[in-house]
Amino acid sequence: MQKPAAQLHNIIMENRRELRISGVKDIDSFTETKIVLSTVMGELVVKGEDLHVSVLEAETGDFSMSGKIKSLVYNSFNSSDNLFSKMFR
């Protein structure tokens, strides 16, 4: 059984310079070296250099960014479930 389109989560990275992600609910925080995203699969942290958000389509959950991408890491918790993690970031 396939999940509804709103629940799909895909990541496409091109040459570690361009990143497209589906299933993004919100941008929790961003700087030029770190972007924290709330996705349907939990919190995703993107680290790198000269990071820039290009697009976040709230209706579809599509996200695009560019920069020198060094790492993508999922935290073990869902950011919406852990209020304290947002308060002490």
Protein backbone atom coordinates (compact mmCIF):
# COMPACT_ATOMS: atom_id res chain seq x y z
CA MET A 1 0.00 0.00 0.00
CA GLN A 2 1.48 3.34 -1.09
CA LYS A 3 1.52 6.34 1.25
CA PRO A 4 -0.36 9.48 0.20
CA ALA A 5 1.72 11.97 -1.81
CA ALA A 6 1.91 14.35 1.16
CA GLN A 7 3.74 11.69 3.18
CA LEU A 8 6.48 10.90 0.64
CA HIS A 9 10.03 11.84 1.60
CA ASN A 10 12.76 11.89 -1.03
CA ILE A 11 16.22 13.42 -1.17
CA ILE A 12 18.06 14.23 -4.39
CA MET A 13 21.58 15.63 -4.16
CA GLU A 14 23.56 16.74 -7.19
CA ASN A 15 27.35 16.94 -6.88
CA ARG A 16 27.07 17.90 -3.19
CA ARG A 17 26.10 21.43 -4.34
CA GLU A 18 22.33 21.21 -4.95
CA LEU A 19 19.77 19.49 -2.71
CA ARG A 20 16.06 18.86 -3.30
CA ILE A 21 13.91 17.30 -0.60
CA SER A 22 10.21 16.38 -0.55
CA GLY A 23 8.17 15.89 2.60
CA VAL A 24 9.49 18.99 4.38
CA LYS A 25 7.05 20.47 6.89
CA ASP A 26 9.07 23.49 8.05
CA ILE A 27 12.50 25.09 8.32
CA ASP A 28 13.28 25.13 12.05
CA SER A 29 16.47 27.19 11.70
CA PHE A 30 19.11 28.10 9.15
CA THR A 31 22.50 29.76 8.90
CA GLU A 32 25.16 29.64 6.20
CA THR A 33 26.62 26.52 7.84
CA LYS A 34 23.55 24.63 9.15
CA ILE A 35 19.91 24.13 8.13
CA VAL A 36 17.50 22.27 10.42
CA LEU A 37 14.39 20.91 8.71
CA SER A 38 11.26 19.31 10.11
CA THR A 39 10.29 16.50 7.72
CA VAL A 40 7.63 13.80 7.68
CA MET A 41 10.41 11.39 8.72
CA GLY A 42 11.75 13.50 11.62
CA GLU A 43 14.28 16.27 12.04
CA LEU A 44 16.95 16.53 9.34
CA VAL A 45 20.13 18.58 9.85
CA VAL A 46 22.10 19.69 6.78
CA LYS A 47 25.61 21.01 7.46
CA GLY A 48 27.99 22.67 5.04
CA GLU A 49 29.32 26.00 3.86
CA ASP A 50 27.66 28.91 2.07
CA LEU A 51 24.22 27.24 2.37
CA HIS A 52 21.27 29.05 0.79
CA VAL A 53 17.59 28.10 0.81
CA SER A 54 16.13 28.45 -2.69
CA VAL A 55 12.54 27.21 -2.25
CA LEU A 56 10.16 25.91 0.39
CA GLU A 57 6.73 25.20 -1.02
CA ALA A 58 4.54 24.92 2.08
CA GLU A 59 1.63 23.33 0.21
CA THR A 60 3.65 20.52 -1.38
CA GLY A 61 6.53 20.17 1.09
CA ASP A 62 9.15 20.64 -1.64
CA PHE A 63 12.44 22.20 -0.52
CA SER A 64 15.52 23.23 -2.50
CA MET A 65 18.88 24.58 -1.40
CA SER A 66 22.41 25.11 -2.65
CA GLY A 67 25.89 25.37 -1.16
CA LYS A 68 28.78 23.08 -0.24
CA ILE A 69 26.98 20.17 1.49
CA LYS A 70 29.09 18.28 4.04
CA SER A 71 26.52 16.15 5.89
CA LEU A 72 22.86 15.14 6.19
CA VAL A 73 21.87 13.72 9.58
CA TYR A 74 18.51 12.62 10.96
CA ASN A 75 18.04 13.11 14.67
CA SER A 76 16.53 10.17 16.53
CA PHE A 77 13.46 12.15 17.52
CA ASN A 78 10.76 14.01 15.65
CA SER A 79 11.20 17.75 16.24
CA SER A 80 7.45 18.25 16.71
CA ASP A 81 7.53 15.74 19.58
CA ASN A 82 10.36 17.40 21.47
CA LEU A 83 9.60 20.98 22.49
CA PHE A 84 12.71 21.23 24.68
CA SER A 85 15.02 20.56 21.73
CA LYS A 86 13.65 23.64 19.97
CA MET A 87 13.92 25.80 23.08
CA PHE A 88 17.59 24.99 23.77
CA ARG A 89 19.05 24.97 20.26
